[in-house]
C-alpha atoms as a PDB file:
ATOM      1  CA  UNK A   1     -56.290  -9.386  25.537  1.00  0.00           C
ATOM      2  CA  UNK A   2     -52.760  -9.013  24.500  1.00  0.00           C
ATOM      3  CA  UNK A   3     -52.082 -12.297  23.828  1.00  0.00           C
ATOM      4  CA  UNK A   4     -55.053 -12.633  21.336  1.00  0.00           C
ATOM      5  CA  UNK A   5     -53.647  -9.730  19.259  1.00  0.00           C
ATOM      6  CA  UNK A   6     -50.252 -11.655  19.136  1.00  0.00           C
ATOM      7  CA  UNK A   7     -51.910 -14.219  17.943  1.00  0.00           C
ATOM      8  CA  UNK A   8     -53.812 -12.666  15.496  1.00  0.00           C
ATOM      9  CA  UNK A   9     -51.027 -10.578  14.194  1.00  0.00           C
ATOM     10  CA  UNK A  10     -48.929 -13.865  13.639  1.00  0.00           C
ATOM     11  CA  UNK A  11     -52.037 -15.522  12.044  1.00  0.00           C
ATOM     12  CA  UNK A  12     -51.934 -12.276   9.621  1.00  0.00           C
ATOM     13  CA  UNK A  13     -47.871 -12.687   9.323  1.00  0.00           C
ATOM     14  CA  UNK A  14     -48.209 -16.484   8.291  1.00  0.00           C
ATOM     15  CA  UNK A  15     -51.059 -15.514   5.716  1.00  0.00           C
ATOM     16  CA  UNK A  16     -48.925 -12.631   4.160  1.00  0.00           C
ATOM     17  CA  UNK A  17     -45.977 -14.801   3.902  1.00  0.00           C
ATOM     18  CA  UNK A  18     -48.248 -17.842   2.130  1.00  0.00           C
ATOM     19  CA  UNK A  19     -49.767 -15.632  -0.322  1.00  0.00           C
ATOM     20  CA  UNK A  20     -46.317 -13.973  -0.870  1.00  0.00           C
ATOM     21  CA  UNK A  21     -44.890 -17.826  -1.293  1.00  0.00           C
ATOM     22  CA  UNK A  22     -47.564 -19.242  -3.544  1.00  0.00           C
ATOM     23  CA  UNK A  23     -49.860 -16.777  -3.954  1.00  0.00           C
ATOM     24  CA  UNK A  24     -48.445 -14.580  -6.573  1.00  0.00           C
ATOM     25  CA  UNK A  25     -47.145 -16.027  -9.657  1.00  0.00           C
ATOM     26  CA  UNK A  26     -45.905 -14.642 -13.175  1.00  0.00           C
ATOM     27  CA  UNK A  27     -47.648 -15.431 -16.380  1.00  0.00           C
ATOM     28  CA  UNK A  28     -44.869 -14.778 -19.367  1.00  0.00           C
ATOM     29  CA  UNK A  29     -45.635 -13.789 -22.516  1.00  0.00           C
ATOM     30  CA  UNK A  30     -46.356 -16.385 -25.270  1.00  0.00           C
ATOM     31  CA  UNK A  31     -47.623 -18.367 -22.267  1.00  0.00           C
ATOM     32  CA  UNK A  32     -51.282 -19.022 -21.102  1.00  0.00           C
ATOM     33  CA  UNK A  33     -52.577 -20.309 -17.762  1.00  0.00           C
ATOM     34  CA  UNK A  34     -55.372 -22.670 -16.088  1.00  0.00           C
ATOM     35  CA  UNK A  35     -55.934 -22.405 -12.434  1.00  0.00           C
ATOM     36  CA  UNK A  36     -56.763 -25.558 -10.903  1.00  0.00           C
ATOM     37  CA  UNK A  37     -58.395 -26.382  -7.223  1.00  0.00           C
ATOM     38  CA  UNK A  38     -58.229 -30.047  -5.911  1.00  0.00           C
ATOM     39  CA  UNK A  39     -57.478 -31.184  -9.632  1.00  0.00           C
ATOM     40  CA  UNK A  40     -60.590 -29.304 -10.922  1.00  0.00           C
ATOM     41  CA  UNK A  41     -60.209 -25.988 -13.231  1.00  0.00           C
ATOM     42  CA  UNK A  42     -61.339 -23.280 -11.688  1.00  0.00           C
ATOM     43  CA  UNK A  43     -62.438 -19.941 -13.870  1.00  0.00           C
ATOM     44  CA  UNK A  44     -61.207 -19.126 -17.290  1.00  0.00           C
ATOM     45  CA  UNK A  45     -58.047 -19.391 -18.660  1.00  0.00           C
ATOM     46  CA  UNK A  46     -55.555 -16.692 -18.206  1.00  0.00           C
ATOM     47  CA  UNK A  47     -54.223 -15.307 -21.170  1.00  0.00           C
ATOM     48  CA  UNK A  48     -52.567 -11.874 -20.516  1.00  0.00           C
ATOM     49  CA  UNK A  49     -49.021 -11.728 -19.486  1.00  0.00           C
ATOM     50  CA  UNK A  50     -48.025 -10.470 -15.913  1.00  0.00           C
ATOM     51  CA  UNK A  51     -48.250 -10.630 -12.159  1.00  0.00           C
ATOM     52  CA  UNK A  52     -50.810 -13.031 -11.262  1.00  0.00           C
ATOM     53  CA  UNK A  53     -52.745 -13.883  -7.623  1.00  0.00           C
ATOM     54  CA  UNK A  54     -54.452 -17.109  -6.925  1.00  0.00           C
ATOM     55  CA  UNK A  55     -55.085 -19.062  -3.578  1.00  0.00           C
ATOM     56  CA  UNK A  56     -52.113 -20.160  -2.057  1.00  0.00           C
ATOM     57  CA  UNK A  57     -51.388 -24.428  -1.477  1.00  0.00           C
ATOM     58  CA  UNK A  58     -55.103 -24.313  -2.465  1.00  0.00           C
ATOM     59  CA  UNK A  59     -55.323 -23.314  -6.489  1.00  0.00           C
ATOM     60  CA  UNK A  60     -52.370 -24.606  -8.976  1.00  0.00           C
ATOM     61  CA  UNK A  61     -51.098 -23.018 -11.956  1.00  0.00           C
ATOM     62  CA  UNK A  62     -51.098 -25.287 -15.157  1.00  0.00           C
ATOM     63  CA  UNK A  63     -49.173 -23.455 -17.837  1.00  0.00           C
ATOM     64  CA  UNK A  64     -49.608 -23.639 -21.829  1.00  0.00           C
ATOM     65  CA  UNK A  65     -48.272 -22.287 -24.769  1.00  0.00           C
ATOM     66  CA  UNK A  66     -49.759 -19.788 -26.559  1.00  0.00           C
ATOM     67  CA  UNK A  67     -47.122 -19.372 -29.437  1.00  0.00           C
ATOM     68  CA  UNK A  68     -47.803 -21.677 -32.771  1.00  0.00           C
ATOM     69  CA  UNK A  69     -46.336 -25.045 -32.371  1.00  0.00           C
ATOM     70  CA  UNK A  70     -44.807 -27.516 -35.082  1.00  0.00           C
ATOM     71  CA  UNK A  71     -46.405 -31.217 -35.698  1.00  0.00           C
ATOM     72  CA  UNK A  72     -44.083 -33.520 -37.699  1.00  0.00           C
ATOM     73  CA  UNK A  73     -45.453 -36.764 -38.650  1.00  0.00           C
ATOM     74  CA  UNK A  74     -43.746 -40.127 -39.412  1.00  0.00           C
ATOM     75  CA  UNK A  75     -43.775 -40.834 -43.007  1.00  0.00           C
ATOM     76  CA  UNK A  76     -46.395 -43.168 -44.065  1.00  0.00           C
ATOM     77  CA  UNK A  77     -46.919 -45.599 -46.858  1.00  0.00           C
ATOM     78  CA  UNK A  78     -50.228 -44.764 -48.831  1.00  0.00           C
ATOM     79  CA  UNK A  79     -51.731 -46.294 -51.959  1.00  0.00           C
ATOM     80  CA  UNK A  80     -53.141 -43.779 -54.199  1.00  0.00           C
ATOM     81  CA  UNK A  81     -56.353 -44.040 -56.100  1.00  0.00           C
ATOM     82  CA  UNK A  82     -54.798 -45.773 -58.801  1.00  0.00           C
ATOM     83  CA  UNK A  83     -52.839 -48.547 -57.130  1.00  0.00           C
ATOM     84  CA  UNK A  84     -49.615 -46.590 -56.746  1.00  0.00           C
ATOM     85  CA  UNK A  85     -47.964 -46.852 -53.316  1.00  0.00           C
ATOM     86  CA  UNK A  86     -45.800 -43.708 -51.820  1.00  0.00           C
ATOM     87  CA  UNK A  87     -44.462 -42.489 -48.904  1.00  0.00           C
ATOM     88  CA  UNK A  88     -45.583 -39.207 -47.679  1.00  0.00           C
ATOM     89  CA  UNK A  89     -44.049 -37.378 -44.875  1.00  0.00           C
ATOM     90  CA  UNK A  90     -46.553 -34.438 -43.643  1.00  0.00           C
ATOM     91  CA  UNK A  91     -45.894 -31.359 -41.385  1.00  0.00           C
ATOM     92  CA  UNK A  92     -48.575 -28.797 -39.892  1.00  0.00           C
ATOM     93  CA  UNK A  93     -48.489 -26.062 -37.583  1.00  0.00           C
ATOM     94  CA  UNK A  94     -51.228 -25.773 -34.852  1.00  0.00           C
ATOM     95  CA  UNK A  95     -51.875 -23.949 -31.386  1.00  0.00           C
ATOM     96  CA  UNK A  96     -53.948 -24.073 -28.274  1.00  0.00           C
ATOM     97  CA  UNK A  97     -56.595 -21.627 -29.033  1.00  0.00           C
ATOM     98  CA  UNK A  98     -58.710 -22.543 -25.773  1.00  0.00           C
ATOM     99  CA  UNK A  99     -56.461 -23.879 -22.636  1.00  0.00           C
ATOM    100  CA  UNK A 100     -59.434 -24.935 -20.713  1.00  0.00           C
ATOM    101  CA  UNK A 101     -60.858 -27.185 -23.069  1.00  0.00           C
ATOM    102  CA  UNK A 102     -57.266 -28.479 -23.909  1.00  0.00           C
ATOM    103  CA  UNK A 103     -56.956 -29.382 -20.421  1.00  0.00           C
ATOM    104  CA  UNK A 104     -60.235 -31.050 -20.051  1.00  0.00           C
ATOM    105  CA  UNK A 105     -59.850 -33.211 -23.037  1.00  0.00           C
ATOM    106  CA  UNK A 106     -56.106 -33.854 -24.024  1.00  0.00           C
ATOM    107  CA  UNK A 107     -54.001 -32.358 -20.879  1.00  0.00           C
ATOM    108  CA  UNK A 108     -50.376 -32.185 -22.335  1.00  0.00           C
ATOM    109  CA  UNK A 109     -48.642 -31.501 -25.219  1.00  0.00           C
ATOM    110  CA  UNK A 110     -47.301 -35.037 -25.527  1.00  0.00           C
ATOM    111  CA  UNK A 111     -50.845 -36.259 -26.099  1.00  0.00           C
ATOM    112  CA  UNK A 112     -51.901 -33.553 -28.301  1.00  0.00           C
ATOM    113  CA  UNK A 113     -48.869 -34.562 -30.753  1.00  0.00           C
ATOM    114  CA  UNK A 114     -50.349 -38.101 -30.778  1.00  0.00           C
ATOM    115  CA  UNK A 115     -53.927 -37.169 -31.211  1.00  0.00           C
ATOM    116  CA  UNK A 116     -52.954 -35.255 -34.378  1.00  0.00           C
ATOM    117  CA  UNK A 117     -50.903 -38.058 -35.539  1.00  0.00           C
ATOM    118  CA  UNK A 118     -54.471 -39.841 -35.457  1.00  0.00           C
ATOM    119  CA  UNK A 119     -56.458 -37.202 -36.928  1.00  0.00           C
ATOM    120  CA  UNK A 120     -53.799 -35.479 -39.748  1.00  0.00           C
ATOM    121  CA  UNK A 121     -52.672 -39.247 -40.774  1.00  0.00           C
ATOM    122  CA  UNK A 122     -56.003 -40.622 -41.076  1.00  0.00           C
ATOM    123  CA  UNK A 123     -57.419 -37.439 -43.181  1.00  0.00           C
ATOM    124  CA  UNK A 124     -54.683 -37.773 -45.455  1.00  0.00           C
ATOM    125  CA  UNK A 125     -54.520 -41.349 -45.656  1.00  0.00           C
ATOM    126  CA  UNK A 126     -58.251 -41.024 -46.724  1.00  0.00           C
ATOM    127  CA  UNK A 127     -57.527 -38.277 -49.321  1.00  0.00           C
ATOM    128  CA  UNK A 128     -54.557 -39.758 -51.271  1.00  0.00           C
ATOM    129  CA  UNK A 129     -56.619 -43.078 -51.487  1.00  0.00           C
ATOM    130  CA  UNK A 130     -59.576 -40.969 -53.181  1.00  0.00           C
ATOM    131  CA  UNK A 131     -57.154 -39.280 -55.801  1.00  0.00           C
ATOM    132  CA  UNK A 132     -54.514 -40.703 -57.978  1.00  0.00           C
ATOM    133  CA  UNK A 133     -50.847 -39.848 -58.073  1.00  0.00           C
ATOM    134  CA  UNK A 134     -51.137 -37.096 -60.618  1.00  0.00           C
ATOM    135  CA  UNK A 135     -52.742 -35.242 -58.066  1.00  0.00           C
ATOM    136  CA  UNK A 136     -50.362 -35.848 -55.068  1.00  0.00           C
ATOM    137  CA  UNK A 137     -47.094 -35.215 -56.983  1.00  0.00           C
ATOM    138  CA  UNK A 138     -47.989 -32.173 -59.002  1.00  0.00           C
ATOM    139  CA  UNK A 139     -48.528 -28.330 -57.999  1.00  0.00           C
ATOM    140  CA  UNK A 140     -51.794 -26.941 -58.112  1.00  0.00           C
ATOM    141  CA  UNK A 141     -50.628 -24.340 -60.791  1.00  0.00           C
ATOM    142  CA  UNK A 142     -48.724 -26.936 -62.942  1.00  0.00           C
ATOM    143  CA  UNK A 143     -49.689 -26.758 -66.567  1.00  0.00           C
ATOM    144  CA  UNK A 144     -47.866 -28.077 -69.630  1.00  0.00           C
ATOM    145  CA  UNK A 145     -47.227 -24.155 -70.548  1.00  0.00           C
ATOM    146  CA  UNK A 146     -45.453 -23.664 -67.014  1.00  0.00           C
ATOM    147  CA  UNK A 147     -42.725 -26.232 -67.910  1.00  0.00           C
ATOM    148  CA  UNK A 148     -40.035 -25.207 -69.806  1.00  0.00           C
ATOM    149  CA  UNK A 149     -39.763 -28.672 -71.730  1.00  0.00           C
ATOM    150  CA  UNK A 150     -43.254 -30.731 -73.258  1.00  0.00           C
ATOM    151  CA  UNK A 151     -43.673 -33.719 -70.791  1.00  0.00           C
ATOM    152  CA  UNK A 152     -45.230 -36.429 -72.709  1.00  0.00           C
ATOM    153  CA  UNK A 153     -46.431 -39.986 -72.129  1.00  0.00           C
ATOM    154  CA  UNK A 154     -46.376 -42.424 -75.324  1.00  0.00           C
ATOM    155  CA  UNK A 155     -48.025 -40.092 -77.521  1.00  0.00           C
ATOM    156  CA  UNK A 156     -50.218 -37.794 -75.563  1.00  0.00           C
ATOM    157  CA  UNK A 157     -49.510 -34.464 -73.904  1.00  0.00           C
ATOM    158  CA  UNK A 158     -49.825 -34.735 -69.850  1.00  0.00           C
ATOM    159  CA  UNK A 159     -53.088 -33.388 -68.721  1.00  0.00           C
ATOM    160  CA  UNK A 160     -52.766 -30.732 -65.580  1.00  0.00           C
ATOM    161  CA  UNK A 161     -54.107 -31.825 -62.156  1.00  0.00           C
ATOM    162  CA  UNK A 162     -57.845 -31.251 -61.139  1.00  0.00           C
ATOM    163  CA  UNK A 163     -56.610 -30.599 -57.611  1.00  0.00           C
ATOM    164  CA  UNK A 164     -52.762 -30.927 -57.482  1.00  0.00           C
ATOM    165  CA  UNK A 165     -50.806 -31.303 -54.013  1.00  0.00           C
ATOM    166  CA  UNK A 166     -51.413 -27.656 -52.413  1.00  0.00           C
ATOM    167  CA  UNK A 167     -55.010 -28.017 -52.849  1.00  0.00           C
ATOM    168  CA  UNK A 168     -55.015 -31.700 -51.785  1.00  0.00           C
ATOM    169  CA  UNK A 169     -52.885 -30.121 -48.534  1.00  0.00           C
ATOM    170  CA  UNK A 170     -55.723 -27.378 -48.152  1.00  0.00           C
ATOM    171  CA  UNK A 171     -58.584 -30.121 -48.545  1.00  0.00           C
ATOM    172  CA  UNK A 172     -56.745 -32.261 -45.465  1.00  0.00           C
ATOM    173  CA  UNK A 173     -56.612 -28.830 -43.483  1.00  0.00           C
ATOM    174  CA  UNK A 174     -60.318 -27.936 -44.179  1.00  0.00           C
ATOM    175  CA  UNK A 175     -61.246 -31.980 -42.957  1.00  0.00           C
ATOM    176  CA  UNK A 176     -59.089 -32.001 -40.120  1.00  0.00           C
ATOM    177  CA  UNK A 177     -59.975 -28.306 -38.917  1.00  0.00           C
ATOM    178  CA  UNK A 178     -63.713 -29.648 -38.051  1.00  0.00           C
ATOM    179  CA  UNK A 179     -62.195 -32.290 -35.396  1.00  0.00           C
ATOM    180  CA  UNK A 180     -59.589 -30.446 -33.718  1.00  0.00           C
ATOM    181  CA  UNK A 181     -61.677 -27.392 -32.397  1.00  0.00           C
ATOM    182  CA  UNK A 182     -63.276 -29.809 -29.775  1.00  0.00           C
ATOM    183  CA  UNK A 183     -59.715 -30.595 -28.524  1.00  0.00           C
ATOM    184  CA  UNK A 184     -59.172 -26.613 -27.992  1.00  0.00           C
ATOM    185  CA  UNK A 185     -56.643 -27.047 -30.985  1.00  0.00           C
ATOM    186  CA  UNK A 186     -56.598 -24.798 -33.816  1.00  0.00           C
ATOM    187  CA  UNK A 187     -54.972 -26.057 -36.842  1.00  0.00           C
ATOM    188  CA  UNK A 188     -53.172 -23.529 -39.054  1.00  0.00           C
ATOM    189  CA  UNK A 189     -51.680 -25.334 -41.962  1.00  0.00           C
ATOM    190  CA  UNK A 190     -51.015 -28.480 -43.019  1.00  0.00           C
ATOM    191  CA  UNK A 191     -48.100 -29.283 -45.777  1.00  0.00           C
ATOM    192  CA  UNK A 192     -46.798 -32.261 -47.668  1.00  0.00           C
ATOM    193  CA  UNK A 193     -43.151 -31.810 -46.734  1.00  0.00           C
ATOM    194  CA  UNK A 194     -41.677 -34.800 -48.925  1.00  0.00           C
ATOM    195  CA  UNK A 195     -43.490 -37.201 -51.512  1.00  0.00           C
ATOM    196  CA  UNK A 196     -41.583 -40.405 -52.671  1.00  0.00           C
ATOM    197  CA  UNK A 197     -42.304 -43.691 -54.677  1.00  0.00           C
ATOM    198  CA  UNK A 198     -41.401 -47.014 -52.873  1.00  0.00           C
ATOM    199  CA  UNK A 199     -38.187 -48.404 -53.571  1.00  0.00           C
ATOM    200  CA  UNK A 200     -40.326 -50.906 -56.444  1.00  0.00           C
ATOM    201  CA  UNK A 201     -41.805 -48.288 -57.929  1.00  0.00           C
ATOM    202  CA  UNK A 202     -39.112 -46.211 -57.757  1.00  0.00           C
ATOM    203  CA  UNK A 203     -37.093 -48.306 -60.420  1.00  0.00           C
ATOM    204  CA  UNK A 204     -39.672 -48.603 -62.581  1.00  0.00           C
ATOM    205  CA  UNK A 205     -40.039 -44.749 -62.934  1.00  0.00           C
ATOM    206  CA  UNK A 206     -36.476 -44.551 -62.986  1.00  0.00           C
ATOM    207  CA  UNK A 207     -36.149 -46.983 -65.825  1.00  0.00           C
ATOM    208  CA  UNK A 208     -39.262 -45.433 -67.734  1.00  0.00           C
ATOM    209  CA  UNK A 209     -37.499 -41.993 -67.294  1.00  0.00           C
ATOM    210  CA  UNK A 210     -34.353 -43.230 -68.913  1.00  0.00           C
ATOM    211  CA  UNK A 211     -36.143 -44.832 -71.361  1.00  0.00           C
ATOM    212  CA  UNK A 212     -37.767 -41.707 -72.234  1.00  0.00           C
ATOM    213  CA  UNK A 213     -34.805 -39.543 -72.207  1.00  0.00           C
ATOM    214  CA  UNK A 214     -33.546 -42.186 -74.917  1.00  0.00           C
ATOM    215  CA  UNK A 215     -36.159 -41.543 -76.740  1.00  0.00           C
ATOM    216  CA  UNK A 216     -35.818 -38.092 -76.672  1.00  0.00           C
ATOM    217  CA  UNK A 217     -32.580 -38.250 -77.370  1.00  0.00           C
ATOM    218  CA  UNK A 218     -32.668 -40.573 -80.476  1.00  0.00           C
ATOM    219  CA  UNK A 219     -34.975 -38.293 -82.008  1.00  0.00           C
ATOM    220  CA  UNK A 220     -33.146 -35.552 -81.271  1.00  0.00           C
ATOM    221  CA  UNK A 221     -29.900 -37.265 -83.265  1.00  0.00           C
ATOM    222  CA  UNK A 222     -32.242 -37.988 -85.708  1.00  0.00           C
ATOM    223  CA  UNK A 223     -33.144 -34.337 -86.602  1.00  0.00           C
ATOM    224  CA  UNK A 224     -29.545 -33.294 -86.142  1.00  0.00           C
ATOM    225  CA  UNK A 225     -28.612 -35.899 -88.728  1.00  0.00           C
ATOM    226  CA  UNK A 226     -31.554 -34.934 -91.095  1.00  0.00           C
ATOM    227  CA  UNK A 227     -30.598 -31.012 -90.639  1.00  0.00           C
ATOM    228  CA  UNK A 228     -26.469 -32.057 -91.043  1.00  0.00           C
ATOM    229  CA  UNK A 229     -27.613 -34.120 -94.577  1.00  0.00           C
ATOM    230  CA  UNK A 230     -29.914 -31.192 -95.582  1.00  0.00           C
ATOM    231  CA  UNK A 231     -27.336 -28.635 -94.834  1.00  0.00           C
ATOM    232  CA  UNK A 232     -24.343 -30.523 -96.608  1.00  0.00           C
ATOM    233  CA  UNK A 233     -26.613 -31.077 -99.608  1.00  0.00           C
ATOM    234  CA  UNK A 234     -27.007 -27.605 -99.845  1.00  0.00           C
ATOM    235  CA  UNK A 235     -23.298 -26.575 -99.437  1.00  0.00           C
ATOM    236  CA  UNK A 236     -22.610 -29.858-102.109  1.00  0.00           C
ATOM    237  CA  UNK A 237     -24.847 -28.214-104.380  1.00  0.00           C
ATOM    238  CA  UNK A 238     -24.220 -24.577-104.010  1.00  0.00           C
ATOM    239  CA  UNK A 239     -20.352 -25.586-104.631  1.00  0.00           C
ATOM    240  CA  UNK A 240     -21.364 -27.458-107.592  1.00  0.00           C
ATOM    241  CA  UNK A 241     -23.253 -24.361-109.023  1.00  0.00           C
ATOM    242  CA  UNK A 242     -20.017 -21.971-108.019  1.00  0.00           C
ATOM    243  CA  UNK A 243     -17.714 -24.441-109.854  1.00  0.00           C
ATOM    244  CA  UNK A 244     -19.658 -24.723-113.197  1.00  0.00           C
ATOM    245  CA  UNK A 245     -20.165 -20.955-113.159  1.00  0.00           C
ATOM    246  CA  UNK A 246     -16.595 -20.493-112.766  1.00  0.00           C
ATOM    247  CA  UNK A 247     -15.536 -23.127-115.455  1.00  0.00           C
ATOM    248  CA  UNK A 248     -18.128 -21.450-117.792  1.00  0.00           C
ATOM    249  CA  UNK A 249     -16.583 -17.915-116.961  1.00  0.00           C
ATOM    250  CA  UNK A 250     -13.301 -19.291-117.209  1.00  0.00           C
ATOM    251  CA  UNK A 251     -13.788 -20.785-120.657  1.00  0.00           C
ATOM    252  CA  UNK A 252     -15.263 -17.945-122.089  1.00  0.00           C
ATOM    253  CA  UNK A 253     -12.402 -16.285-120.940  1.00  0.00           C
ATOM    254  CA  UNK A 254      -9.731 -18.564-122.576  1.00  0.00           C
ATOM    255  CA  UNK A 255     -12.154 -18.275-125.528  1.00  0.00           C
ATOM    256  CA  UNK A 256     -11.676 -15.002-125.743  1.00  0.00           C
ATOM    257  CA  UNK A 257      -8.232 -14.670-125.370  1.00  0.00           C
ATOM    258  CA  UNK A 258      -7.289 -17.705-127.973  1.00  0.00           C
ATOM    259  CA  UNK A 259      -9.669 -15.510-130.146  1.00  0.00           C
ATOM    260  CA  UNK A 260      -7.808 -12.538-129.378  1.00  0.00           C
ATOM    261  CA  UNK A 261      -4.351 -14.278-129.862  1.00  0.00           C
ATOM    262  CA  UNK A 262      -5.764 -15.866-133.302  1.00  0.00           C
ATOM    263  CA  UNK A 263      -6.476 -12.114-134.524  1.00  0.00           C
ATOM    264  CA  UNK A 264      -3.365 -10.796-133.611  1.00  0.00           C
ATOM    265  CA  UNK A 265      -1.171 -13.705-134.774  1.00  0.00           C
ATOM    266  CA  UNK A 266      -3.333 -13.132-137.833  1.00  0.00           C
ATOM    267  CA  UNK A 267      -2.432  -9.396-138.521  1.00  0.00           C
ATOM    268  CA  UNK A 268       1.417 -10.302-137.583  1.00  0.00           C
ATOM    269  CA  UNK A 269       1.092 -12.976-140.031  1.00  0.00           C
ATOM    270  CA  UNK A 270      -0.115 -10.990-142.934  1.00  0.00           C
ATOM    271  CA  UNK A 271       2.093  -8.061-142.385  1.00  0.00           C
ATOM    272  CA  UNK A 272       5.560  -9.848-141.646  1.00  0.00           C
ATOM    273  CA  UNK A 273       5.318 -13.705-142.775  1.00  0.00           C
ATOM    274  CA  UNK A 274       8.754 -14.289-143.401  1.00  0.00           C
ATOM    275  CA  UNK A 275       9.882 -13.037-139.683  1.00  0.00           C
ATOM    276  CA  UNK A 276       6.477 -15.385-138.447  1.00  0.00           C
ATOM    277  CA  UNK A 277       7.848 -18.126-140.697  1.00  0.00           C
ATOM    278  CA  UNK A 278      11.636 -17.208-138.893  1.00  0.00           C
ATOM    279  CA  UNK A 279      10.307 -16.907-135.547  1.00  0.00           C
ATOM    280  CA  UNK A 280       7.943 -20.664-135.881  1.00  0.00           C
ATOM    281  CA  UNK A 281      11.358 -22.194-137.156  1.00  0.00           C
ATOM    282  CA  UNK A 282      13.285 -20.994-134.037  1.00  0.00           C
ATOM    283  CA  UNK A 283      10.789 -22.152-131.654  1.00  0.00           C
ATOM    284  CA  UNK A 284      10.950 -25.333-133.393  1.00  0.00           C
ATOM    285  CA  UNK A 285      14.697 -25.269-132.832  1.00  0.00           C
ATOM    286  CA  UNK A 286      14.084 -25.217-129.230  1.00  0.00           C
ATOM    287  CA  UNK A 287      11.743 -28.042-129.153  1.00  0.00           C
ATOM    288  CA  UNK A 288      13.860 -30.152-131.131  1.00  0.00           C
ATOM    289  CA  UNK A 289      17.448 -29.562-130.545  1.00  0.00           C
ATOM    290  CA  UNK A 290      18.811 -30.167-126.827  1.00  0.00           C
ATOM    291  CA  UNK A 291      22.213 -30.461-125.469  1.00  0.00           C
ATOM    292  CA  UNK A 292      22.879 -34.036-126.616  1.00  0.00           C
ATOM    293  CA  UNK A 293      21.009 -34.045-129.558  1.00  0.00           C
ATOM    294  CA  UNK A 294      22.153 -34.844-133.320  1.00  0.00           C
ATOM    295  CA  UNK A 295      20.470 -33.863-136.466  1.00  0.00           C
ATOM    296  CA  UNK A 296      20.920 -35.268-140.075  1.00  0.00           C
ATOM    297  CA  UNK A 297      19.034 -32.975-142.061  1.00  0.00           C
ATOM    298  CA  UNK A 298      18.458 -33.341-145.954  1.00  0.00           C
ATOM    299  CA  UNK A 299      19.452 -30.087-147.928  1.00  0.00           C
ATOM    300  CA  UNK A 300      16.080 -29.100-148.886  1.00  0.00           C
ATOM    301  CA  UNK A 301      14.438 -29.472-145.018  1.00  0.00           C
ATOM    302  CA  UNK A 302      12.920 -26.814-143.717  1.00  0.00           C
ATOM    303  CA  UNK A 303      14.905 -26.682-140.657  1.00  0.00           C
ATOM    304  CA  UNK A 304      17.886 -26.256-142.763  1.00  0.00           C
ATOM    305  CA  UNK A 305      17.055 -23.755-144.941  1.00  0.00           C
ATOM    306  CA  UNK A 306      17.768 -20.882-142.207  1.00  0.00           C
ATOM    307  CA  UNK A 307      20.836 -22.591-140.901  1.00  0.00           C
ATOM    308  CA  UNK A 308      22.378 -22.477-144.402  1.00  0.00           C
ATOM    309  CA  UNK A 309      22.035 -18.724-144.887  1.00  0.00           C
ATOM    310  CA  UNK A 310      24.189 -18.172-141.375  1.00  0.00           C
ATOM    311  CA  UNK A 311      27.305 -17.239-142.464  1.00  0.00           C
ATOM    312  CA  UNK A 312      30.343 -18.265-140.196  1.00  0.00           C
ATOM    313  CA  UNK A 313      31.846 -15.307-138.288  1.00  0.00           C
ATOM    314  CA  UNK A 314      34.988 -13.677-140.027  1.00  0.00           C
ATOM    315  CA  UNK A 315      37.889 -13.140-138.134  1.00  0.00           C
END
């Protein structure tokens, strides 16, 4: 009997050791788990963190992330509806919404990334093929008034896009989200990380941009030259008006001065005719006689009249 008790105790101790060794597991925060028994899932996914119990050595734990995961696709060359080839680089955020279904349909996160490559890239390609280039490269809130400078194509103002890049992303998300739940995946958002032209198209775009900038520069220079000519013409006209007005005013002042001088000369001459004649003669001497001048005058000359009345100094 004692021998039977010892065996039972040993078995009990072995069970306890096995339970402690492989029966308990810790589910960390941010993780979820599915129990499998002989490779087949058992029960519902475990999503609450903490110390958990399972059947030792029979059941195994499959851990999955509960956090949001990032999907990054490879850049793809895709033609738009207006036959323009562009490179698209997409990214998305997703998470495992149903760990049991994810385990059954996908298995691992690496396979999930490959599955999302097919789903998202295929959806993006379909929508890009159905829309023109303007819908992909412009934001949904774009409008001519939104831009600082007006954008023109020829002589027509470019119209805003019907959908725009942001709404195209939402359409991709809506279409792809209809497929992913069957794999236990919830797609949170899809974004265009980078949109670029292929090399041949990029050169044409650069050439068109350079040509457009040159056209705008020539237009600005033409407007500047016209404005310059207008300003110079106005300045020249104003200068001529000012000069003409000043000349007219100067002529009037000189006329008034000459008239006043003539009046004063006339009054003086009428009062003192002999003195005026004498002064005029002296001024004539100053104009005629210089340091090396020799004069030959007749006795009845007007210049000689005052010279012959000068008496020499008496010593």
